[in-house]
PDB file of N, CA and C in Angstrom:
ATOM      1  N   MET A   1       0.847  -1.180   0.000  1.00  0.00           N
ATOM      2  CA  MET A   1       0.000   0.000   0.000  1.00  0.00           C
ATOM      3  C   MET A   1       0.892   1.242   0.000  1.00  0.00           C
ATOM      4  N   ARG A   2       0.603   2.189  -0.842  1.00  0.00           N
ATOM      5  CA  ARG A   2       1.372   3.425  -0.965  1.00  0.00           C
ATOM      6  C   ARG A   2       0.671   4.559  -0.216  1.00  0.00           C
ATOM      7  N   PHE A   3       1.454   5.470   0.325  1.00  0.00           N
ATOM      8  CA  PHE A   3       0.936   6.646   1.015  1.00  0.00           C
ATOM      9  C   PHE A   3       1.393   7.885   0.259  1.00  0.00           C
ATOM     10  N   ASN A   4       0.443   8.695  -0.151  1.00  0.00           N
ATOM     11  CA  ASN A   4       0.726   9.881  -0.943  1.00  0.00           C
ATOM     12  C   ASN A   4       0.721  11.116  -0.057  1.00  0.00           C
ATOM     13  N   VAL A   5       1.767  11.942  -0.185  1.00  0.00           N
ATOM     14  CA  VAL A   5       1.853  13.208   0.539  1.00  0.00           C
ATOM     15  C   VAL A   5       1.706  14.330  -0.478  1.00  0.00           C
ATOM     16  N   LYS A   6       0.750  15.239  -0.232  1.00  0.00           N
ATOM     17  CA  LYS A   6       0.535  16.394  -1.105  1.00  0.00           C
ATOM     18  C   LYS A   6       0.729  17.666  -0.293  1.00  0.00           C
ATOM     19  N   TRP A   7       1.321  18.672  -0.923  1.00  0.00           N
ATOM     20  CA  TRP A   7       1.519  19.968  -0.289  1.00  0.00           C
ATOM     21  C   TRP A   7       1.676  21.011  -1.379  1.00  0.00           C
ATOM     22  N   LYS A   8       1.551  22.271  -0.991  1.00  0.00           N
ATOM     23  CA  LYS A   8       1.772  23.365  -1.931  1.00  0.00           C
ATOM     24  C   LYS A   8       3.172  23.913  -1.731  1.00  0.00           C
ATOM     25  N   GLY A   9       3.918  24.006  -2.821  1.00  0.00           N
ATOM     26  CA  GLY A   9       5.269  24.554  -2.777  1.00  0.00           C
ATOM     27  C   GLY A   9       5.236  26.061  -2.634  1.00  0.00           C
ATOM     28  N   GLN A  10       6.405  26.664  -2.551  1.00  0.00           N
ATOM     29  CA  GLN A  10       6.507  28.108  -2.375  1.00  0.00           C
ATOM     30  C   GLN A  10       5.860  28.869  -3.526  1.00  0.00           C
ATOM     31  N   SER A  11       5.855  28.285  -4.708  1.00  0.00           N
ATOM     32  CA  SER A  11       5.253  28.952  -5.867  1.00  0.00           C
ATOM     33  C   SER A  11       3.736  28.771  -5.913  1.00  0.00           C
ATOM     34  N   GLY A  12       3.195  28.007  -4.951  1.00  0.00           N
ATOM     35  CA  GLY A  12       1.756  27.765  -4.915  1.00  0.00           C
ATOM     36  C   GLY A  12       1.324  26.562  -5.729  1.00  0.00           C
ATOM     37  N   ILE A  13       2.270  25.920  -6.380  1.00  0.00           N
ATOM     38  CA  ILE A  13       1.963  24.730  -7.186  1.00  0.00           C
ATOM     39  C   ILE A  13       1.920  23.513  -6.282  1.00  0.00           C
ATOM     40  N   GLU A  14       0.874  22.684  -6.451  1.00  0.00           N
ATOM     41  CA  GLU A  14       0.748  21.480  -5.634  1.00  0.00           C
ATOM     42  C   GLU A  14       1.798  20.455  -6.029  1.00  0.00           C
ATOM     43  N   LYS A  15       2.431  19.880  -5.006  1.00  0.00           N
ATOM     44  CA  LYS A  15       3.439  18.845  -5.219  1.00  0.00           C
ATOM     45  C   LYS A  15       2.969  17.572  -4.544  1.00  0.00           C
ATOM     46  N   SER A  16       3.543  16.445  -4.949  1.00  0.00           N
ATOM     47  CA  SER A  16       3.095  15.168  -4.440  1.00  0.00           C
ATOM     48  C   SER A  16       4.222  14.143  -4.516  1.00  0.00           C
ATOM     49  N   LEU A  17       4.342  13.312  -3.478  1.00  0.00           N
ATOM     50  CA  LEU A  17       5.291  12.201  -3.467  1.00  0.00           C
ATOM     51  C   LEU A  17       4.627  10.988  -2.839  1.00  0.00           C
ATOM     52  N   ASP A  18       5.023   9.799  -3.285  1.00  0.00           N
ATOM     53  CA  ASP A  18       4.513   8.548  -2.716  1.00  0.00           C
ATOM     54  C   ASP A  18       5.568   7.915  -1.819  1.00  0.00           C
ATOM     55  N   PHE A  19       5.092   7.261  -0.746  1.00  0.00           N
ATOM     56  CA  PHE A  19       5.963   6.589   0.205  1.00  0.00           C
ATOM     57  C   PHE A  19       5.423   5.191   0.479  1.00  0.00           C
ATOM     58  N   PRO A  20       6.305   4.238   0.813  1.00  0.00           N
ATOM     59  CA  PRO A  20       5.860   2.851   1.019  1.00  0.00           C
ATOM     60  C   PRO A  20       5.112   2.620   2.331  1.00  0.00           C
ATOM     61  N   THR A  21       5.359   3.474   3.349  1.00  0.00           N
ATOM     62  CA  THR A  21       4.697   3.287   4.649  1.00  0.00           C
ATOM     63  C   THR A  21       4.193   4.624   5.187  1.00  0.00           C
ATOM     64  N   LEU A  22       3.255   4.549   6.104  1.00  0.00           N
ATOM     65  CA  LEU A  22       2.749   5.758   6.757  1.00  0.00           C
ATOM     66  C   LEU A  22       3.863   6.429   7.551  1.00  0.00           C
ATOM     67  N   ASP A  23       4.705   5.633   8.175  1.00  0.00           N
ATOM     68  CA  ASP A  23       5.807   6.181   8.969  1.00  0.00           C
ATOM     69  C   ASP A  23       6.742   7.031   8.105  1.00  0.00           C
ATOM     70  N   THR A  24       7.115   6.540   6.933  1.00  0.00           N
ATOM     71  CA  THR A  24       8.008   7.318   6.072  1.00  0.00           C
ATOM     72  C   THR A  24       7.309   8.566   5.533  1.00  0.00           C
ATOM     73  N   ALA A  25       6.012   8.463   5.270  1.00  0.00           N
ATOM     74  CA  ALA A  25       5.245   9.631   4.803  1.00  0.00           C
ATOM     75  C   ALA A  25       5.191  10.707   5.885  1.00  0.00           C
ATOM     76  N   MET A  26       4.966  10.302   7.140  1.00  0.00           N
ATOM     77  CA  MET A  26       4.895  11.266   8.236  1.00  0.00           C
ATOM     78  C   MET A  26       6.274  11.861   8.543  1.00  0.00           C
ATOM     79  N   THR A  27       7.318  11.058   8.465  1.00  0.00           N
ATOM     80  CA  THR A  27       8.674  11.566   8.693  1.00  0.00           C
ATOM     81  C   THR A  27       9.016  12.633   7.661  1.00  0.00           C
ATOM     82  N   PHE A  28       8.702  12.378   6.397  1.00  0.00           N
ATOM     83  CA  PHE A  28       8.935  13.372   5.356  1.00  0.00           C
ATOM     84  C   PHE A  28       8.112  14.636   5.614  1.00  0.00           C
ATOM     85  N   SER A  29       6.847  14.454   6.003  1.00  0.00           N
ATOM     86  CA  SER A  29       5.961  15.592   6.250  1.00  0.00           C
ATOM     87  C   SER A  29       6.494  16.492   7.354  1.00  0.00           C
ATOM     88  N   LYS A  30       7.103  15.893   8.376  1.00  0.00           N
ATOM     89  CA  LYS A  30       7.693  16.683   9.466  1.00  0.00           C
ATOM     90  C   LYS A  30       8.806  17.572   8.953  1.00  0.00           C
ATOM     91  N   THR A  31       9.572  17.094   7.971  1.00  0.00           N
ATOM     92  CA  THR A  31      10.685  17.896   7.453  1.00  0.00           C
ATOM     93  C   THR A  31      10.189  19.106   6.678  1.00  0.00           C
ATOM     94  N   LEU A  32       8.988  19.015   6.090  1.00  0.00           N
ATOM     95  CA  LEU A  32       8.446  20.147   5.336  1.00  0.00           C
ATOM     96  C   LEU A  32       8.042  21.291   6.253  1.00  0.00           C
ATOM     97  N   GLY A  33       7.441  20.958   7.406  1.00  0.00           N
ATOM     98  CA  GLY A  33       7.028  21.979   8.361  1.00  0.00           C
ATOM     99  C   GLY A  33       5.833  22.804   7.919  1.00  0.00           C
ATOM    100  N   ILE A  34       5.048  22.270   6.989  1.00  0.00           N
ATOM    101  CA  ILE A  34       3.847  22.961   6.511  1.00  0.00           C
ATOM    102  C   ILE A  34       2.678  21.989   6.526  1.00  0.00           C
ATOM    103  N   VAL A  35       1.478  22.486   6.277  1.00  0.00           N
ATOM    104  CA  VAL A  35       0.289  21.637   6.237  1.00  0.00           C
ATOM    105  C   VAL A  35       0.356  20.741   5.004  1.00  0.00           C
ATOM    106  N   VAL A  36       0.152  19.455   5.223  1.00  0.00           N
ATOM    107  CA  VAL A  36       0.167  18.475   4.141  1.00  0.00           C
ATOM    108  C   VAL A  36      -1.073  17.599   4.220  1.00  0.00           C
ATOM    109  N   THR A  37      -1.326  16.869   3.152  1.00  0.00           N
ATOM    110  CA  THR A  37      -2.375  15.853   3.124  1.00  0.00           C
ATOM    111  C   THR A  37      -1.700  14.516   2.867  1.00  0.00           C
ATOM    112  N   ILE A  38      -1.959  13.546   3.740  1.00  0.00           N
ATOM    113  CA  ILE A  38      -1.457  12.188   3.542  1.00  0.00           C
ATOM    114  C   ILE A  38      -2.673  11.307   3.290  1.00  0.00           C
ATOM    115  N   SER A  39      -2.635  10.548   2.194  1.00  0.00           N
ATOM    116  CA  SER A  39      -3.765   9.669   1.877  1.00  0.00           C
ATOM    117  C   SER A  39      -3.261   8.370   1.264  1.00  0.00           C
ATOM    118  N   ASN A  40      -4.114   7.342   1.353  1.00  0.00           N
ATOM    119  CA  ASN A  40      -3.778   6.067   0.725  1.00  0.00           C
ATOM    120  C   ASN A  40      -4.991   5.435   0.051  1.00  0.00           C
ATOM    121  N   GLY A  41      -6.047   6.164  -0.122  1.00  0.00           N
ATOM    122  CA  GLY A  41      -7.256   5.616  -0.729  1.00  0.00           C
ATOM    123  C   GLY A  41      -8.293   5.199   0.297  1.00  0.00           C
ATOM    124  N   ASP A  42      -7.845   4.712   1.464  1.00  0.00           N
ATOM    125  CA  ASP A  42      -8.765   4.307   2.529  1.00  0.00           C
ATOM    126  C   ASP A  42      -9.003   5.426   3.535  1.00  0.00           C
ATOM    127  N   PHE A  43      -8.032   6.308   3.685  1.00  0.00           N
ATOM    128  CA  PHE A  43      -8.173   7.408   4.637  1.00  0.00           C
ATOM    129  C   PHE A  43      -7.355   8.603   4.161  1.00  0.00           C
ATOM    130  N   GLU A  44      -7.613   9.735   4.827  1.00  0.00           N
ATOM    131  CA  GLU A  44      -6.903  10.970   4.511  1.00  0.00           C
ATOM    132  C   GLU A  44      -6.659  11.732   5.806  1.00  0.00           C
ATOM    133  N   VAL A  45      -5.428  12.204   5.995  1.00  0.00           N
ATOM    134  CA  VAL A  45      -5.050  12.973   7.173  1.00  0.00           C
ATOM    135  C   VAL A  45      -4.487  14.299   6.691  1.00  0.00           C
ATOM    136  N   VAL A  46      -4.968  15.396   7.283  1.00  0.00           N
ATOM    137  CA  VAL A  46      -4.476  16.719   6.920  1.00  0.00           C
ATOM    138  C   VAL A  46      -3.920  17.382   8.165  1.00  0.00           C
ATOM    139  N   GLY A  47      -2.735  17.945   8.064  1.00  0.00           N
ATOM    140  CA  GLY A  47      -2.193  18.640   9.222  1.00  0.00           C
ATOM    141  C   GLY A  47      -0.749  19.033   9.047  1.00  0.00           C
ATOM    142  N   LYS A  48      -0.244  19.679  10.085  1.00  0.00           N
ATOM    143  CA  LYS A  48       1.169  20.054  10.149  1.00  0.00           C
ATOM    144  C   LYS A  48       1.800  19.134  11.174  1.00  0.00           C
ATOM    145  N   PHE A  49       2.640  18.250  10.727  1.00  0.00           N
ATOM    146  CA  PHE A  49       3.215  17.241  11.604  1.00  0.00           C
ATOM    147  C   PHE A  49       4.526  17.726  12.201  1.00  0.00           C
ATOM    148  N   GLY A  50       4.845  17.216  13.379  1.00  0.00           N
ATOM    149  CA  GLY A  50       6.123  17.530  13.978  1.00  0.00           C
ATOM    150  C   GLY A  50       6.063  18.254  15.303  1.00  0.00           C
ATOM    151  N   VAL A  51       4.876  18.603  15.782  1.00  0.00           N
ATOM    152  CA  VAL A  51       4.780  19.244  17.093  1.00  0.00           C
ATOM    153  C   VAL A  51       4.806  18.138  18.138  1.00  0.00           C
ATOM    154  N   ASP A  52       5.937  17.993  18.789  1.00  0.00           N
ATOM    155  CA  ASP A  52       6.109  16.931  19.763  1.00  0.00           C
ATOM    156  C   ASP A  52       6.025  17.423  21.200  1.00  0.00           C
ATOM    157  N   SER A  53       6.104  18.744  21.385  1.00  0.00           N
ATOM    158  CA  SER A  53       6.074  19.259  22.747  1.00  0.00           C
ATOM    159  C   SER A  53       5.600  20.703  22.763  1.00  0.00           C
ATOM    160  N   ILE A  54       5.049  21.091  23.889  1.00  0.00           N
ATOM    161  CA  ILE A  54       4.614  22.468  24.122  1.00  0.00           C
ATOM    162  C   ILE A  54       5.375  22.969  25.339  1.00  0.00           C
ATOM    163  N   LYS A  55       6.070  24.088  25.185  1.00  0.00           N
ATOM    164  CA  LYS A  55       6.796  24.661  26.315  1.00  0.00           C
ATOM    165  C   LYS A  55       6.396  26.122  26.450  1.00  0.00           C
ATOM    166  N   ASN A  56       6.001  26.502  27.657  1.00  0.00           N
ATOM    167  CA  ASN A  56       5.587  27.877  27.942  1.00  0.00           C
ATOM    168  C   ASN A  56       4.483  28.350  26.995  1.00  0.00           C
ATOM    169  N   GLY A  57       3.568  27.425  26.644  1.00  0.00           N
ATOM    170  CA  GLY A  57       2.427  27.778  25.808  1.00  0.00           C
ATOM    171  C   GLY A  57       2.739  27.962  24.338  1.00  0.00           C
ATOM    172  N   LYS A  58       3.908  27.473  23.879  1.00  0.00           N
ATOM    173  CA  LYS A  58       4.280  27.630  22.473  1.00  0.00           C
ATOM    174  C   LYS A  58       4.783  26.315  21.885  1.00  0.00           C
ATOM    175  N   CYS A  59       4.515  26.139  20.586  1.00  0.00           N
ATOM    176  CA  CYS A  59       5.036  25.005  19.833  1.00  0.00           C
ATOM    177  C   CYS A  59       6.524  25.243  19.574  1.00  0.00           C
ATOM    178  N   PRO A  60       7.261  24.199  19.155  1.00  0.00           N
ATOM    179  CA  PRO A  60       8.692  24.375  18.896  1.00  0.00           C
ATOM    180  C   PRO A  60       9.021  25.479  17.888  1.00  0.00           C
ATOM    181  N   ASP A  61       8.102  25.781  16.959  1.00  0.00           N
ATOM    182  CA  ASP A  61       8.365  26.837  15.976  1.00  0.00           C
ATOM    183  C   ASP A  61       7.958  28.221  16.460  1.00  0.00           C
ATOM    184  N   GLY A  62       7.480  28.333  17.721  1.00  0.00           N
ATOM    185  CA  GLY A  62       7.099  29.617  18.284  1.00  0.00           C
ATOM    186  C   GLY A  62       5.624  29.946  18.187  1.00  0.00           C
ATOM    187  N   THR A  63       4.848  29.099  17.495  1.00  0.00           N
ATOM    188  CA  THR A  63       3.409  29.310  17.368  1.00  0.00           C
ATOM    189  C   THR A  63       2.749  29.140  18.731  1.00  0.00           C
ATOM    190  N   VAL A  64       1.861  30.065  19.093  1.00  0.00           N
ATOM    191  CA  VAL A  64       1.151  29.985  20.373  1.00  0.00           C
ATOM    192  C   VAL A  64       0.182  28.801  20.332  1.00  0.00           C
ATOM    193  N   TYR A  65       0.208  27.983  21.371  1.00  0.00           N
ATOM    194  CA  TYR A  65      -0.672  26.822  21.493  1.00  0.00           C
ATOM    195  C   TYR A  65      -1.579  27.065  22.690  1.00  0.00           C
ATOM    196  N   ASP A  66      -2.853  27.397  22.419  1.00  0.00           N
ATOM    197  CA  ASP A  66      -3.755  27.724  23.519  1.00  0.00           C
ATOM    198  C   ASP A  66      -4.998  26.840  23.566  1.00  0.00           C
ATOM    199  N   TRP A  67      -4.995  25.737  22.828  1.00  0.00           N
ATOM    200  CA  TRP A  67      -6.136  24.825  22.844  1.00  0.00           C
ATOM    201  C   TRP A  67      -6.183  24.117  24.181  1.00  0.00           C
ATOM    202  N   ASN A  68      -7.412  23.951  24.698  1.00  0.00           N
ATOM    203  CA  ASN A  68      -7.579  23.109  25.870  1.00  0.00           C
ATOM    204  C   ASN A  68      -8.936  22.439  25.797  1.00  0.00           C
ATOM    205  N   LYS A  69      -9.038  21.304  26.389  1.00  0.00           N
ATOM    206  CA  LYS A  69     -10.243  20.487  26.297  1.00  0.00           C
ATOM    207  C   LYS A  69     -11.464  21.204  26.867  1.00  0.00           C
ATOM    208  N   ALA A  70     -11.296  21.944  27.935  1.00  0.00           N
ATOM    209  CA  ALA A  70     -12.423  22.596  28.596  1.00  0.00           C
ATOM    210  C   ALA A  70     -13.088  23.655  27.717  1.00  0.00           C
ATOM    211  N   SER A  71     -12.330  24.290  26.830  1.00  0.00           N
ATOM    212  CA  SER A  71     -12.918  25.367  26.041  1.00  0.00           C
ATOM    213  C   SER A  71     -13.278  24.956  24.613  1.00  0.00           C
ATOM    214  N   ARG A  72     -13.186  23.673  24.292  1.00  0.00           N
ATOM    215  CA  ARG A  72     -13.475  23.252  22.931  1.00  0.00           C
ATOM    216  C   ARG A  72     -14.964  23.392  22.639  1.00  0.00           C
ATOM    217  N   ILE A  73     -15.303  23.537  21.390  1.00  0.00           N
ATOM    218  CA  ILE A  73     -16.700  23.665  20.971  1.00  0.00           C
ATOM    219  C   ILE A  73     -17.436  22.368  21.281  1.00  0.00           C
ATOM    220  N   GLY A  74     -18.624  22.480  21.825  1.00  0.00           N
ATOM    221  CA  GLY A  74     -19.416  21.308  22.160  1.00  0.00           C
ATOM    222  C   GLY A  74     -19.049  20.670  23.474  1.00  0.00           C
ATOM    223  N   ALA A  75     -18.303  21.381  24.291  1.00  0.00           N
ATOM    224  CA  ALA A  75     -17.913  20.852  25.590  1.00  0.00           C
ATOM    225  C   ALA A  75     -19.155  20.587  26.438  1.00  0.00           C
ATOM    226  N   THR A  76     -19.113  19.543  27.218  1.00  0.00           N
ATOM    227  CA  THR A  76     -20.243  19.246  28.092  1.00  0.00           C
ATOM    228  C   THR A  76     -20.278  20.258  29.227  1.00  0.00           C
ATOM    229  N   ARG A  77     -21.488  20.492  29.733  1.00  0.00           N
ATOM    230  CA  ARG A  77     -21.649  21.436  30.848  1.00  0.00           C
ATOM    231  C   ARG A  77     -21.140  20.831  32.136  1.00  0.00           C
ATOM    232  N   ARG A  78     -20.508  21.659  32.921  1.00  0.00           N
ATOM    233  CA  ARG A  78     -20.058  21.206  34.245  1.00  0.00           C
ATOM    234  C   ARG A  78     -21.223  21.301  35.209  1.00  0.00           C
ATOM    235  N   ARG A  79     -21.298  20.406  36.128  1.00  0.00           N
ATOM    236  CA  ARG A  79     -22.395  20.407  37.110  1.00  0.00           C
ATOM    237  C   ARG A  79     -21.916  20.865  38.440  1.00  0.00           C
TER     238      ARG A  79
END
């Protein structure tokens, strides 16, 4: 089964590469540092891979990370 990674290059043109495993596709996606789509026909994952830790409320690239479970949309009411 092949895993396809798609992303937009700096010129705005969509690029694409195939990988033999999901692990190799995700490893490559982390090196890009941008939003990608990984698909294999059965599923599709979209995101920016590589955020492994949050320190002082920021991702490793300096992006502010302020998501929390309590404030998510559709949160259950507290009693």
